[in-house]
PDB file of N, CA and C in Angstrom:
ATOM      1  N   MET A   1     -76.239  -5.813   1.409  1.00  0.00           N
ATOM      2  CA  MET A   1     -77.536  -5.233   1.185  1.00  0.00           C
ATOM      3  C   MET A   1     -78.600  -6.325   1.050  1.00  0.00           C
ATOM      4  N   GLN A   2     -78.239  -7.420   0.423  1.00  0.00           N
ATOM      5  CA  GLN A   2     -79.215  -8.483   0.194  1.00  0.00           C
ATOM      6  C   GLN A   2     -79.828  -8.964   1.509  1.00  0.00           C
ATOM      7  N   GLU A   3     -79.015  -9.137   2.525  1.00  0.00           N
ATOM      8  CA  GLU A   3     -79.543  -9.586   3.825  1.00  0.00           C
ATOM      9  C   GLU A   3     -80.473  -8.536   4.431  1.00  0.00           C
ATOM     10  N   ASN A   4     -80.127  -7.260   4.299  1.00  0.00           N
ATOM     11  CA  ASN A   4     -80.983  -6.199   4.826  1.00  0.00           C
ATOM     12  C   ASN A   4     -82.317  -6.164   4.095  1.00  0.00           C
ATOM     13  N   VAL A   5     -82.288  -6.376   2.788  1.00  0.00           N
ATOM     14  CA  VAL A   5     -83.533  -6.395   2.015  1.00  0.00           C
ATOM     15  C   VAL A   5     -84.396  -7.583   2.439  1.00  0.00           C
ATOM     16  N   LYS A   6     -83.782  -8.744   2.628  1.00  0.00           N
ATOM     17  CA  LYS A   6     -84.535  -9.928   3.075  1.00  0.00           C
ATOM     18  C   LYS A   6     -85.211  -9.650   4.414  1.00  0.00           C
ATOM     19  N   LYS A   7     -84.476  -9.052   5.344  1.00  0.00           N
ATOM     20  CA  LYS A   7     -85.046  -8.735   6.659  1.00  0.00           C
ATOM     21  C   LYS A   7     -86.188  -7.742   6.527  1.00  0.00           C
ATOM     22  N   ALA A   8     -86.010  -6.728   5.687  1.00  0.00           N
ATOM     23  CA  ALA A   8     -87.053  -5.720   5.492  1.00  0.00           C
ATOM     24  C   ALA A   8     -88.307  -6.338   4.884  1.00  0.00           C
ATOM     25  N   LEU A   9     -88.128  -7.266   3.951  1.00  0.00           N
ATOM     26  CA  LEU A   9     -89.281  -7.932   3.352  1.00  0.00           C
ATOM     27  C   LEU A   9     -90.012  -8.778   4.387  1.00  0.00           C
ATOM     28  N   GLU A  10     -89.269  -9.431   5.264  1.00  0.00           N
ATOM     29  CA  GLU A  10     -89.898 -10.209   6.342  1.00  0.00           C
ATOM     30  C   GLU A  10     -90.690  -9.296   7.269  1.00  0.00           C
ATOM     31  N   ILE A  11     -90.114  -8.161   7.627  1.00  0.00           N
ATOM     32  CA  ILE A  11     -90.775  -7.221   8.536  1.00  0.00           C
ATOM     33  C   ILE A  11     -92.061  -6.688   7.927  1.00  0.00           C
ATOM     34  N   THR A  12     -92.016  -6.314   6.663  1.00  0.00           N
ATOM     35  CA  THR A  12     -93.186  -5.715   6.017  1.00  0.00           C
ATOM     36  C   THR A  12     -94.207  -6.738   5.558  1.00  0.00           C
ATOM     37  N   GLY A  13     -93.763  -7.974   5.359  1.00  0.00           N
ATOM     38  CA  GLY A  13     -94.669  -8.989   4.855  1.00  0.00           C
ATOM     39  C   GLY A  13     -94.946  -8.839   3.361  1.00  0.00           C
ATOM     40  N   ILE A  14     -94.171  -8.006   2.709  1.00  0.00           N
ATOM     41  CA  ILE A  14     -94.350  -7.793   1.269  1.00  0.00           C
ATOM     42  C   ILE A  14     -93.791  -8.996   0.515  1.00  0.00           C
ATOM     43  N   ASP A  15     -94.582  -9.492  -0.423  1.00  0.00           N
ATOM     44  CA  ASP A  15     -94.158 -10.605  -1.269  1.00  0.00           C
ATOM     45  C   ASP A  15     -93.515 -10.006  -2.512  1.00  0.00           C
ATOM     46  N   ALA A  16     -92.199 -10.093  -2.585  1.00  0.00           N
ATOM     47  CA  ALA A  16     -91.486  -9.479  -3.703  1.00  0.00           C
ATOM     48  C   ALA A  16     -90.398 -10.407  -4.192  1.00  0.00           C
ATOM     49  N   ARG A  17     -89.992 -10.184  -5.416  1.00  0.00           N
ATOM     50  CA  ARG A  17     -88.886 -10.937  -6.003  1.00  0.00           C
ATOM     51  C   ARG A  17     -87.603 -10.162  -5.739  1.00  0.00           C
ATOM     52  N   LEU A  18     -86.667 -10.818  -5.112  1.00  0.00           N
ATOM     53  CA  LEU A  18     -85.370 -10.218  -4.819  1.00  0.00           C
ATOM     54  C   LEU A  18     -84.364 -10.767  -5.819  1.00  0.00           C
ATOM     55  N   GLU A  19     -83.719  -9.875  -6.541  1.00  0.00           N
ATOM     56  CA  GLU A  19     -82.762 -10.296  -7.559  1.00  0.00           C
ATOM     57  C   GLU A  19     -81.428  -9.606  -7.312  1.00  0.00           C
ATOM     58  N   HIS A  20     -80.380 -10.381  -7.208  1.00  0.00           N
ATOM     59  CA  HIS A  20     -79.024  -9.853  -7.061  1.00  0.00           C
ATOM     60  C   HIS A  20     -78.400  -9.862  -8.451  1.00  0.00           C
ATOM     61  N   VAL A  21     -78.162  -8.689  -9.005  1.00  0.00           N
ATOM     62  CA  VAL A  21     -77.672  -8.568 -10.377  1.00  0.00           C
ATOM     63  C   VAL A  21     -76.152  -8.408 -10.358  1.00  0.00           C
ATOM     64  N   TYR A  22     -75.477  -9.268 -11.094  1.00  0.00           N
ATOM     65  CA  TYR A  22     -74.022  -9.226 -11.197  1.00  0.00           C
ATOM     66  C   TYR A  22     -73.549  -8.714 -12.560  1.00  0.00           C
ATOM     67  N   ASP A  23     -74.388  -8.831 -13.563  1.00  0.00           N
ATOM     68  CA  ASP A  23     -74.038  -8.474 -14.932  1.00  0.00           C
ATOM     69  C   ASP A  23     -73.895  -6.956 -15.061  1.00  0.00           C
ATOM     70  N   LEU A  24     -72.690  -6.489 -15.352  1.00  0.00           N
ATOM     71  CA  LEU A  24     -72.435  -5.050 -15.436  1.00  0.00           C
ATOM     72  C   LEU A  24     -73.274  -4.370 -16.511  1.00  0.00           C
ATOM     73  N   ARG A  25     -73.527  -5.069 -17.596  1.00  0.00           N
ATOM     74  CA  ARG A  25     -74.358  -4.492 -18.655  1.00  0.00           C
ATOM     75  C   ARG A  25     -75.779  -4.247 -18.150  1.00  0.00           C
ATOM     76  N   LYS A  26     -76.324  -5.221 -17.441  1.00  0.00           N
ATOM     77  CA  LYS A  26     -77.684  -5.083 -16.906  1.00  0.00           C
ATOM     78  C   LYS A  26     -77.733  -3.991 -15.833  1.00  0.00           C
ATOM     79  N   ILE A  27     -76.704  -3.930 -14.997  1.00  0.00           N
ATOM     80  CA  ILE A  27     -76.631  -2.880 -13.976  1.00  0.00           C
ATOM     81  C   ILE A  27     -76.656  -1.514 -14.652  1.00  0.00           C
ATOM     82  N   GLY A  28     -75.886  -1.369 -15.726  1.00  0.00           N
ATOM     83  CA  GLY A  28     -75.861  -0.113 -16.472  1.00  0.00           C
ATOM     84  C   GLY A  28     -77.197   0.228 -17.093  1.00  0.00           C
ATOM     85  N   GLN A  29     -77.949  -0.772 -17.518  1.00  0.00           N
ATOM     86  CA  GLN A  29     -79.265  -0.540 -18.110  1.00  0.00           C
ATOM     87  C   GLN A  29     -80.229   0.088 -17.097  1.00  0.00           C
ATOM     88  N   TYR A  30     -80.018  -0.201 -15.824  1.00  0.00           N
ATOM     89  CA  TYR A  30     -80.844   0.404 -14.786  1.00  0.00           C
ATOM     90  C   TYR A  30     -80.435   1.848 -14.509  1.00  0.00           C
ATOM     91  N   GLY A  31     -79.287   2.271 -15.029  1.00  0.00           N
ATOM     92  CA  GLY A  31     -78.811   3.628 -14.799  1.00  0.00           C
ATOM     93  C   GLY A  31     -77.968   3.763 -13.542  1.00  0.00           C
ATOM     94  N   VAL A  32     -77.559   2.651 -12.980  1.00  0.00           N
ATOM     95  CA  VAL A  32     -76.770   2.658 -11.756  1.00  0.00           C
ATOM     96  C   VAL A  32     -75.350   3.123 -12.072  1.00  0.00           C
ATOM     97  N   LYS A  33     -74.881   4.116 -11.318  1.00  0.00           N
ATOM     98  CA  LYS A  33     -73.515   4.616 -11.483  1.00  0.00           C
ATOM     99  C   LYS A  33     -72.602   4.073 -10.386  1.00  0.00           C
ATOM    100  N   LEU A  34     -73.153   3.892  -9.179  1.00  0.00           N
ATOM    101  CA  LEU A  34     -72.403   3.371  -8.040  1.00  0.00           C
ATOM    102  C   LEU A  34     -73.114   2.168  -7.459  1.00  0.00           C
ATOM    103  N   THR A  35     -72.339   1.141  -7.121  1.00  0.00           N
ATOM    104  CA  THR A  35     -72.921  -0.025  -6.465  1.00  0.00           C
ATOM    105  C   THR A  35     -72.453  -0.049  -5.021  1.00  0.00           C
ATOM    106  N   PRO A  36     -73.164  -0.701  -4.140  1.00  0.00           N
ATOM    107  CA  PRO A  36     -74.412  -1.413  -4.401  1.00  0.00           C
ATOM    108  C   PRO A  36     -75.555  -0.431  -4.653  1.00  0.00           C
ATOM    109  N   ALA A  37     -76.607  -0.940  -5.245  1.00  0.00           N
ATOM    110  CA  ALA A  37     -77.780  -0.114  -5.515  1.00  0.00           C
ATOM    111  C   ALA A  37     -79.035  -0.914  -5.213  1.00  0.00           C
ATOM    112  N   LEU A  38     -80.040  -0.208  -4.755  1.00  0.00           N
ATOM    113  CA  LEU A  38     -81.341  -0.818  -4.481  1.00  0.00           C
ATOM    114  C   LEU A  38     -82.340  -0.212  -5.456  1.00  0.00           C
ATOM    115  N   ILE A  39     -82.952  -1.077  -6.246  1.00  0.00           N
ATOM    116  CA  ILE A  39     -83.941  -0.636  -7.222  1.00  0.00           C
ATOM    117  C   ILE A  39     -85.275  -1.237  -6.825  1.00  0.00           C
ATOM    118  N   ILE A  40     -86.273  -0.390  -6.706  1.00  0.00           N
ATOM    119  CA  ILE A  40     -87.628  -0.832  -6.368  1.00  0.00           C
ATOM    120  C   ILE A  40     -88.550  -0.347  -7.475  1.00  0.00           C
ATOM    121  N   ASP A  41     -89.287  -1.263  -8.061  1.00  0.00           N
ATOM    122  CA  ASP A  41     -90.208  -0.951  -9.160  1.00  0.00           C
ATOM    123  C   ASP A  41     -89.522  -0.188 -10.282  1.00  0.00           C
ATOM    124  N   GLY A  42     -88.279  -0.588 -10.596  1.00  0.00           N
ATOM    125  CA  GLY A  42     -87.562   0.003 -11.710  1.00  0.00           C
ATOM    126  C   GLY A  42     -86.895   1.335 -11.438  1.00  0.00           C
ATOM    127  N   LYS A  43     -87.000   1.837 -10.208  1.00  0.00           N
ATOM    128  CA  LYS A  43     -86.405   3.128  -9.855  1.00  0.00           C
ATOM    129  C   LYS A  43     -85.266   2.923  -8.863  1.00  0.00           C
ATOM    130  N   ILE A  44     -84.174   3.632  -9.090  1.00  0.00           N
ATOM    131  CA  ILE A  44     -83.051   3.575  -8.155  1.00  0.00           C
ATOM    132  C   ILE A  44     -83.463   4.318  -6.885  1.00  0.00           C
ATOM    133  N   ARG A  45     -83.455   3.599  -5.777  1.00  0.00           N
ATOM    134  CA  ARG A  45     -83.831   4.203  -4.479  1.00  0.00           C
ATOM    135  C   ARG A  45     -82.604   4.521  -3.635  1.00  0.00           C
ATOM    136  N   VAL A  46     -81.559   3.700  -3.765  1.00  0.00           N
ATOM    137  CA  VAL A  46     -80.310   3.902  -3.028  1.00  0.00           C
ATOM    138  C   VAL A  46     -79.174   3.467  -3.940  1.00  0.00           C
ATOM    139  N   SER A  47     -78.083   4.229  -3.922  1.00  0.00           N
ATOM    140  CA  SER A  47     -76.930   3.877  -4.739  1.00  0.00           C
ATOM    141  C   SER A  47     -75.651   4.283  -4.019  1.00  0.00           C
ATOM    142  N   GLY A  48     -74.666   3.396  -4.070  1.00  0.00           N
ATOM    143  CA  GLY A  48     -73.363   3.708  -3.504  1.00  0.00           C
ATOM    144  C   GLY A  48     -73.210   3.453  -2.024  1.00  0.00           C
ATOM    145  N   ARG A  49     -74.203   2.842  -1.402  1.00  0.00           N
ATOM    146  CA  ARG A  49     -74.120   2.538   0.021  1.00  0.00           C
ATOM    147  C   ARG A  49     -75.121   1.434   0.366  1.00  0.00           C
ATOM    148  N   VAL A  50     -74.974   0.883   1.564  1.00  0.00           N
ATOM    149  CA  VAL A  50     -75.906  -0.141   2.029  1.00  0.00           C
ATOM    150  C   VAL A  50     -76.865   0.520   3.027  1.00  0.00           C
ATOM    151  N   PRO A  51     -78.139   0.603   2.682  1.00  0.00           N
ATOM    152  CA  PRO A  51     -79.109   1.202   3.598  1.00  0.00           C
ATOM    153  C   PRO A  51     -79.418   0.259   4.761  1.00  0.00           C
ATOM    154  N   SER A  52     -79.847   0.852   5.850  1.00  0.00           N
ATOM    155  CA  SER A  52     -80.242   0.050   7.021  1.00  0.00           C
ATOM    156  C   SER A  52     -81.541  -0.684   6.730  1.00  0.00           C
ATOM    157  N   VAL A  53     -81.828  -1.667   7.531  1.00  0.00           N
ATOM    158  CA  VAL A  53     -83.087  -2.406   7.401  1.00  0.00           C
ATOM    159  C   VAL A  53     -84.259  -1.447   7.561  1.00  0.00           C
ATOM    160  N   ASP A  54     -84.185  -0.555   8.541  1.00  0.00           N
ATOM    161  CA  ASP A  54     -85.271   0.408   8.770  1.00  0.00           C
ATOM    162  C   ASP A  54     -85.499   1.304   7.556  1.00  0.00           C
ATOM    163  N   GLU A  55     -84.417   1.751   6.928  1.00  0.00           N
ATOM    164  CA  GLU A  55     -84.555   2.604   5.743  1.00  0.00           C
ATOM    165  C   GLU A  55     -85.202   1.821   4.604  1.00  0.00           C
ATOM    166  N   ILE A  56     -84.807   0.580   4.432  1.00  0.00           N
ATOM    167  CA  ILE A  56     -85.403  -0.245   3.371  1.00  0.00           C
ATOM    168  C   ILE A  56     -86.874  -0.480   3.645  1.00  0.00           C
ATOM    169  N   VAL A  57     -87.227  -0.718   4.901  1.00  0.00           N
ATOM    170  CA  VAL A  57     -88.645  -0.880   5.264  1.00  0.00           C
ATOM    171  C   VAL A  57     -89.437   0.355   4.818  1.00  0.00           C
ATOM    172  N   GLU A  58     -88.916   1.534   5.116  1.00  0.00           N
ATOM    173  CA  GLU A  58     -89.614   2.757   4.731  1.00  0.00           C
ATOM    174  C   GLU A  58     -89.709   2.909   3.214  1.00  0.00           C
ATOM    175  N   LEU A  59     -88.648   2.570   2.514  1.00  0.00           N
ATOM    176  CA  LEU A  59     -88.675   2.642   1.041  1.00  0.00           C
ATOM    177  C   LEU A  59     -89.698   1.676   0.463  1.00  0.00           C
ATOM    178  N   LEU A  60     -89.762   0.476   1.019  1.00  0.00           N
ATOM    179  CA  LEU A  60     -90.739  -0.512   0.549  1.00  0.00           C
ATOM    180  C   LEU A  60     -92.155  -0.044   0.815  1.00  0.00           C
ATOM    181  N   LYS A  61     -92.382   0.497   1.996  1.00  0.00           N
ATOM    182  CA  LYS A  61     -93.733   0.987   2.337  1.00  0.00           C
ATOM    183  C   LYS A  61     -94.151   2.127   1.430  1.00  0.00           C
ATOM    184  N   SER A  62     -93.231   3.031   1.145  1.00  0.00           N
ATOM    185  CA  SER A  62     -93.590   4.170   0.297  1.00  0.00           C
ATOM    186  C   SER A  62     -93.821   3.758  -1.153  1.00  0.00           C
ATOM    187  N   ALA A  63     -93.197   2.663  -1.573  1.00  0.00           N
ATOM    188  CA  ALA A  63     -93.386   2.182  -2.943  1.00  0.00           C
ATOM    189  C   ALA A  63     -94.643   1.337  -3.092  1.00  0.00           C
ATOM    190  N   ALA A  64     -95.162   0.826  -1.986  1.00  0.00           N
ATOM    191  CA  ALA A  64     -96.332  -0.066  -2.045  1.00  0.00           C
ATOM    192  C   ALA A  64     -97.615   0.673  -2.302  1.00  0.00           C
TER     193      ALA A  64
END
């Protein structure tokens, strides 16, 4: 997922901080039940699967 997010950020030109969280406690604090998960602006946008670059682009645009 990290590579897809990087590509989506390049496509959109959005300047964002990308953080790969490994700490299970922190993951739980976000409310994530299934990994991998994509969180944008504190909200779980995708969980339990790896979204395509195109889907991430759309999620980023809708959150902007």
